[in-house]
C-alpha cells in the first residue's frame, strides 16, 4: 500500500515537471518573436521618407518670392519716368493787352536822362494789382561791343496819368531792375493807366565825332502785345544831328515807321502793333560837348 502510494507520487511529480516545461516555451517564443516586431523597420522608413520630401518643398518658395521683385522695380521706373512730362512750359500772359505805350526821354545838361513811360492797359475782366516793368541794368557798350555798361536807375514815382499816385516797389534780380506799379492790397480790372518816371545815370555814349543816346524804350520783358508804341526824346541845350528807330523781335532790323527831328526834339513811332516780347529802340546823336557825358561804368 505504501509502495503503491510512492509510485503514484512519482508519477504525479513527473507530470507536473513536464507541464512546467511546456508553459515556459510559449513565453520564450513570445519574447523572441516580439523582438523583430518591435524593430519597426517600415515605421522608421516611413518616418524618414518625409524628410527628403520636405527639403525640396521650400525650394520653390524663394523662387516665388523673387519673382515679384522685377515687377516692383518696373513699377517704380514707370512712376519716375513721367515725372518731368507734366512740368508746365512758360507761356505768354493772356487775357489783357497794352493798348498804348508812350515814352518821353529828357536828356539833362549833367548827362543824366529822365524817362517817363505812360502805359495804358486793358485788363478786361481779369483782376490784377498792377504791372511789372523790367529794365536791364547791364547792356552792351556801343563804342566797344567787347565790354558791357552798367547804369544806375532811381525810380521817382508812379501814378495813373492824372496825378493819382500808384504804390510802387522795386527789386533787383540778375542785373535787372523790376518796378512794380500798383496796389498790392487791391485788385483793378478793365482799362488802367500806369505812368512810371525814373532817372538814369551812365546811359550816354561818347564817340570821337558825336555824343549819342541809344535807349531801348520797350524791352523784351512784356509778355502781352502792344497796340501802339511811341517815343519822344528832347535835348534842351542843342539840336539833334541824327535819329533812328528799330522795332520787332530780338535781333530786329526793321526801321520804325516814324523817326523825325524837330530842332531839339525827336519823335518815333513803331507804326505797327508789337507782339509779346518785341522791342523798340531809339537812337539820337548831337554835337559833342552839348551836354556832359558821364564816364560809363564798364565791365
Protein backbone atom coordinates (compact mmCIF):
# COMPACT_ATOMS: atom_id res chain seq x y z
CA UNK A 1 0.00 0.00 0.00
CA UNK A 2 2.79 2.32 0.94
CA UNK A 3 4.75 1.33 -2.16
CA UNK A 4 1.78 1.98 -4.33
CA UNK A 5 1.41 5.50 -2.94
CA UNK A 6 5.05 6.29 -3.53
CA UNK A 7 4.87 5.19 -7.14
CA UNK A 8 1.80 7.32 -7.64
CA UNK A 9 3.54 10.37 -6.14
CA UNK A 10 6.44 9.95 -8.50
CA UNK A 11 4.12 9.81 -11.48
CA UNK A 12 2.38 13.00 -10.38
CA UNK A 13 5.72 14.82 -9.88
CA UNK A 14 6.81 13.85 -13.39
CA UNK A 15 3.65 15.12 -14.95
CA UNK A 16 3.98 18.40 -13.10
CA UNK A 17 7.57 18.84 -14.31
CA UNK A 18 6.54 18.21 -17.92
CA UNK A 19 3.69 20.73 -17.64
CA UNK A 20 6.08 23.33 -16.22
CA UNK A 21 8.46 22.98 -19.26
CA UNK A 22 5.58 23.37 -21.78
CA UNK A 23 4.40 26.58 -20.05
CA UNK A 24 7.82 28.22 -20.35
CA UNK A 25 8.15 27.54 -24.11
CA UNK A 26 5.42 29.86 -25.34
CA UNK A 27 6.76 32.61 -23.12
CA UNK A 28 10.15 32.30 -24.73
CA UNK A 29 8.61 32.29 -28.20
CA UNK A 30 6.59 35.37 -27.46
CA UNK A 31 9.66 37.12 -26.20
CA UNK A 32 11.74 36.22 -29.27
CA UNK A 33 9.03 36.94 -31.76
CA UNK A 34 8.37 40.24 -30.06
CA UNK A 35 11.91 41.44 -30.77
CA UNK A 36 11.56 41.65 -34.56
CA UNK A 37 8.06 43.00 -34.11
CA UNK A 38 9.36 45.89 -32.02
CA UNK A 39 12.04 46.64 -34.65
CA UNK A 40 9.74 48.80 -36.77
CA UNK A 41 11.84 48.98 -39.86
CA UNK A 42 8.92 50.04 -42.04
CA UNK A 43 7.92 52.63 -39.46
CA UNK A 44 11.41 54.07 -39.44
CA UNK A 45 11.41 54.13 -43.22
CA UNK A 46 8.03 55.74 -43.22
CA UNK A 47 9.22 58.36 -40.75
CA UNK A 48 12.38 59.22 -42.70
CA UNK A 49 10.60 59.34 -46.04
CA UNK A 50 9.00 62.83 -45.50
CA UNK A 51 12.35 64.29 -44.67
CA UNK A 52 13.64 64.34 -48.27
CA UNK A 53 10.22 65.49 -49.46
CA UNK A 54 10.30 68.37 -47.01
CA UNK A 55 13.64 69.53 -48.34
CA UNK A 56 12.51 70.38 -51.89
CA UNK A 57 9.27 71.91 -50.65
CA UNK A 58 10.87 75.21 -49.53
CA UNK A 59 12.94 75.38 -52.73
CA UNK A 60 10.18 76.90 -54.88
CA UNK A 61 9.36 79.38 -52.11
CA UNK A 62 12.38 81.64 -52.78
CA UNK A 63 11.61 81.43 -56.49
CA UNK A 64 8.07 82.61 -55.85
CA UNK A 65 9.30 85.40 -53.57
CA UNK A 66 11.93 86.66 -56.01
CA UNK A 67 9.54 86.71 -58.96
CA UNK A 68 7.68 89.90 -57.87
CA UNK A 69 10.95 91.76 -57.33
CA UNK A 70 11.41 92.69 -61.00
CA UNK A 71 7.77 93.71 -61.20
CA UNK A 72 8.23 96.14 -58.30
CA UNK A 73 11.29 97.64 -59.98
CA UNK A 74 9.43 98.13 -63.25
CA UNK A 75 6.56 99.82 -61.46
CA UNK A 76 8.94 102.20 -59.74
CA UNK A 77 10.68 103.07 -63.01
CA UNK A 78 7.36 103.74 -64.71
CA UNK A 79 6.36 106.10 -61.90
CA UNK A 80 9.59 108.10 -62.05
CA UNK A 81 9.88 108.50 -65.81
CA UNK A 82 6.69 110.50 -66.40
CA UNK A 83 7.53 112.98 -63.63
CA UNK A 84 9.20 115.57 -65.89
CA UNK A 85 6.47 115.37 -68.54
CA UNK A 86 3.70 117.24 -66.66
CA UNK A 87 6.01 120.10 -65.91
CA UNK A 88 4.17 123.14 -67.46
CA UNK A 89 6.02 125.22 -70.04
CA UNK A 90 6.09 129.01 -69.52
CA UNK A 91 3.64 130.79 -71.81
CA UNK A 92 2.90 134.46 -72.62
CA UNK A 93 0.35 136.17 -70.45
CA UNK A 94 -3.19 136.22 -71.83
CA UNK A 95 -6.45 137.97 -71.11
CA UNK A 96 -5.09 141.53 -71.17
CA UNK A 97 -3.22 143.86 -73.52
CA UNK A 98 -1.24 147.09 -73.57
CA UNK A 99 -3.21 149.47 -75.76
CA UNK A 100 -0.65 152.29 -75.95
CA UNK A 101 2.90 152.65 -74.69
CA UNK A 102 4.27 156.23 -74.84
CA UNK A 103 7.76 157.15 -73.64
CA UNK A 104 9.23 160.62 -73.08
CA UNK A 105 13.00 160.98 -72.52
CA UNK A 106 14.59 164.26 -71.42
CA UNK A 107 18.40 164.49 -71.69
CA UNK A 108 19.69 166.78 -68.93
CA UNK A 109 22.76 169.01 -69.08
CA UNK A 110 24.53 166.86 -66.48
CA UNK A 111 24.29 163.81 -68.73
CA UNK A 112 21.50 162.05 -66.84
CA UNK A 113 18.22 161.23 -68.53
CA UNK A 114 14.71 161.38 -67.13
CA UNK A 115 12.36 158.75 -68.55
CA UNK A 116 8.58 158.85 -68.27
CA UNK A 117 6.62 155.84 -69.52
CA UNK A 118 2.84 156.06 -69.87
CA UNK A 119 1.39 152.57 -70.21
CA UNK A 120 -2.34 152.24 -70.93
CA UNK A 121 -3.57 148.70 -70.35
CA UNK A 122 -6.84 146.85 -70.59
CA UNK A 123 -7.13 144.05 -68.05
CA UNK A 124 -10.61 143.15 -69.26
CA UNK A 125 -12.32 141.06 -66.60
CA UNK A 126 -9.05 139.97 -65.03
CA UNK A 127 -8.28 141.14 -61.51
CA UNK A 128 -4.74 142.48 -61.30
CA UNK A 129 -2.73 144.51 -58.80
CA UNK A 130 -0.81 146.42 -61.48
CA UNK A 131 2.11 145.97 -63.88
CA UNK A 132 5.75 144.93 -63.63
CA UNK A 133 8.28 146.92 -65.65
CA UNK A 134 11.69 145.25 -66.13
CA UNK A 135 14.75 147.28 -67.14
CA UNK A 136 18.24 145.80 -67.72
CA UNK A 137 20.97 147.43 -65.64
CA UNK A 138 23.74 145.86 -67.74
CA UNK A 139 23.94 146.02 -71.52
CA UNK A 140 26.40 146.04 -74.42
CA UNK A 141 28.54 149.16 -74.63
CA UNK A 142 28.10 150.76 -78.06
CA UNK A 143 31.58 152.26 -78.60
CA UNK A 144 33.25 148.96 -77.60
CA UNK A 145 30.97 145.89 -78.03
CA UNK A 146 33.52 143.71 -76.20
CA UNK A 147 32.53 145.50 -72.98
CA UNK A 148 29.32 145.95 -71.05
CA UNK A 149 27.94 149.09 -69.48
CA UNK A 150 26.19 149.27 -66.12
CA UNK A 151 23.72 152.08 -65.46
CA UNK A 152 22.20 153.41 -62.24
CA UNK A 153 18.43 153.91 -62.07
CA UNK A 154 16.42 155.79 -59.48
CA UNK A 155 12.63 155.49 -59.60
CA UNK A 156 10.92 158.83 -58.93
CA UNK A 157 7.34 157.61 -58.74
CA UNK A 158 4.25 156.09 -60.39
CA UNK A 159 0.76 157.47 -60.98
CA UNK A 160 -2.33 156.91 -63.12
CA UNK A 161 -1.51 159.62 -65.63
CA UNK A 162 -3.86 162.09 -63.90
CA UNK A 163 -1.81 162.72 -60.79
CA UNK A 164 -3.26 159.94 -58.64
CA UNK A 165 -0.30 158.06 -57.21
CA UNK A 166 0.10 154.33 -57.57
CA UNK A 167 2.02 152.50 -54.87
CA UNK A 168 5.26 151.13 -56.30
CA UNK A 169 8.16 148.95 -55.23
CA UNK A 170 11.47 147.96 -56.78
CA UNK A 171 13.62 144.85 -56.76
CA UNK A 172 16.85 143.84 -58.49
CA UNK A 173 17.45 140.32 -59.74
CA UNK A 174 20.20 139.15 -62.08
CA UNK A 175 21.17 142.62 -63.38
CA UNK A 176 17.53 143.56 -63.98
CA UNK A 177 15.53 146.23 -62.16
CA UNK A 178 11.88 145.36 -61.67
CA UNK A 179 9.43 148.18 -60.97
CA UNK A 180 6.11 147.02 -59.55
CA UNK A 181 3.47 149.69 -60.06
CA UNK A 182 0.06 149.10 -58.49
CA UNK A 183 -1.63 148.46 -55.18
CA UNK A 184 -0.62 145.10 -53.67
CA UNK A 185 -3.66 145.28 -51.36
CA UNK A 186 -6.31 145.86 -54.04
CA UNK A 187 -7.32 144.50 -57.43
CA UNK A 188 -8.21 146.51 -60.52
CA UNK A 189 -9.93 145.48 -63.76
CA UNK A 190 -10.62 146.98 -67.17
CA UNK A 191 -8.72 149.96 -68.54
CA UNK A 192 -5.95 151.37 -66.34
CA UNK A 193 -3.03 153.73 -66.87
CA UNK A 194 0.37 153.44 -65.21
CA UNK A 195 2.82 156.33 -65.58
CA UNK A 196 6.30 155.49 -64.29
CA UNK A 197 9.12 158.05 -64.00
CA UNK A 198 12.79 157.32 -63.32
CA UNK A 199 16.26 158.79 -63.85
CA UNK A 200 19.20 157.01 -65.45
CA UNK A 201 22.90 157.83 -65.00
CA UNK A 202 25.58 156.46 -67.31
CA UNK A 203 23.42 155.91 -70.42
CA UNK A 204 25.17 158.30 -72.84
CA UNK A 205 27.92 157.27 -75.28
CA UNK A 206 30.87 159.44 -76.32
CA UNK A 207 32.21 158.88 -79.86
CA UNK A 208 35.07 160.80 -81.48
CA UNK A 209 32.70 162.82 -83.66
CA UNK A 210 29.47 162.91 -81.65
CA UNK A 211 27.68 162.10 -78.42
CA UNK A 212 24.77 159.67 -78.51
CA UNK A 213 21.92 158.02 -76.65
CA UNK A 214 20.72 154.58 -77.67
CA UNK A 215 17.85 153.51 -75.45
CA UNK A 216 15.51 150.52 -75.61
CA UNK A 217 12.24 152.15 -74.64
CA UNK A 218 10.33 148.85 -74.80
CA UNK A 219 12.22 145.74 -73.81
CA UNK A 220 11.55 142.07 -74.40
CA UNK A 221 10.11 141.62 -70.91
CA UNK A 222 6.49 142.33 -71.87
CA UNK A 223 4.52 139.11 -72.29
CA UNK A 224 1.48 140.74 -73.93
CA UNK A 225 1.01 142.53 -77.28
CA UNK A 226 1.29 146.32 -77.52
CA UNK A 227 -1.17 148.09 -79.80
CA UNK A 228 0.78 151.30 -80.43
CA UNK A 229 4.22 152.43 -79.26
CA UNK A 230 5.72 155.92 -79.49
CA UNK A 231 8.71 157.81 -78.06
CA UNK A 232 9.82 161.44 -77.81
CA UNK A 233 13.38 162.49 -76.91
CA UNK A 234 14.27 166.05 -76.00
CA UNK A 235 17.60 167.86 -75.60
CA UNK A 236 17.40 171.39 -74.26
CA UNK A 237 20.95 172.53 -75.00
CA UNK A 238 21.33 171.71 -78.70
CA UNK A 239 19.65 170.31 -81.78
CA UNK A 240 19.81 166.67 -82.72
CA UNK A 241 22.02 165.74 -85.66
CA UNK A 242 20.52 162.31 -86.38
CA UNK A 243 17.76 159.98 -85.20
CA UNK A 244 16.78 156.40 -85.95
CA UNK A 245 14.49 153.74 -84.58
CA UNK A 246 14.13 149.94 -84.79
CA UNK A 247 11.28 147.70 -83.71
CA UNK A 248 10.46 143.98 -83.63
CA UNK A 249 11.72 140.73 -82.20
CA UNK A 250 15.18 140.49 -80.57
CA UNK A 251 17.79 140.83 -83.32
CA UNK A 252 15.40 143.11 -85.21
CA UNK A 253 16.45 145.25 -88.15
CA UNK A 254 13.07 146.74 -89.12
CA UNK A 255 13.04 150.52 -89.12
CA UNK A 256 10.22 152.29 -87.33
CA UNK A 257 7.58 153.98 -89.43
CA UNK A 258 8.38 157.38 -87.91
CA UNK A 259 11.73 158.85 -86.84
CA UNK A 260 11.76 162.62 -87.25
CA UNK A 261 13.78 165.51 -85.84
CA UNK A 262 12.28 168.86 -84.99
CA UNK A 263 15.00 171.05 -83.53
CA UNK A 264 15.83 169.81 -80.04
CA UNK A 265 13.22 167.09 -80.19
CA UNK A 266 12.91 163.74 -81.97
CA UNK A 267 9.72 161.72 -82.43
CA UNK A 268 9.37 158.00 -83.06
CA UNK A 269 6.51 155.57 -83.71
CA UNK A 270 6.65 151.84 -84.33
CA UNK A 271 3.83 152.16 -86.83
CA UNK A 272 2.53 148.62 -86.31
CA UNK A 273 1.47 146.67 -83.22
CA UNK A 274 4.22 144.87 -81.33
CA UNK A 275 3.88 141.21 -80.47
CA UNK A 276 4.66 139.91 -76.99
CA UNK A 277 8.44 140.10 -76.49
CA UNK A 278 9.06 142.67 -79.27
CA UNK A 279 11.37 145.61 -78.65
CA UNK A 280 11.58 149.28 -79.60
CA UNK A 281 14.95 151.06 -79.58
CA UNK A 282 15.61 154.71 -80.39
CA UNK A 283 18.98 156.35 -81.19
CA UNK A 284 19.70 160.08 -81.20
CA UNK A 285 23.02 161.92 -81.62
CA UNK A 286 24.19 165.53 -81.27
CA UNK A 287 27.27 167.70 -81.44
CA UNK A 288 29.97 166.80 -78.93
CA UNK A 289 30.08 168.86 -75.78
CA UNK A 290 26.44 169.94 -75.79
CA UNK A 291 25.91 168.02 -72.54
CA UNK A 292 28.23 166.45 -70.02
CA UNK A 293 28.78 162.76 -70.78
CA UNK A 294 29.35 160.88 -67.55
CA UNK A 295 32.06 158.23 -67.85
CA UNK A 296 30.21 154.91 -68.02
CA UNK A 297 30.78 152.03 -65.61
CA UNK A 298 32.22 149.29 -67.82
CA UNK A 299 32.66 145.59 -67.15
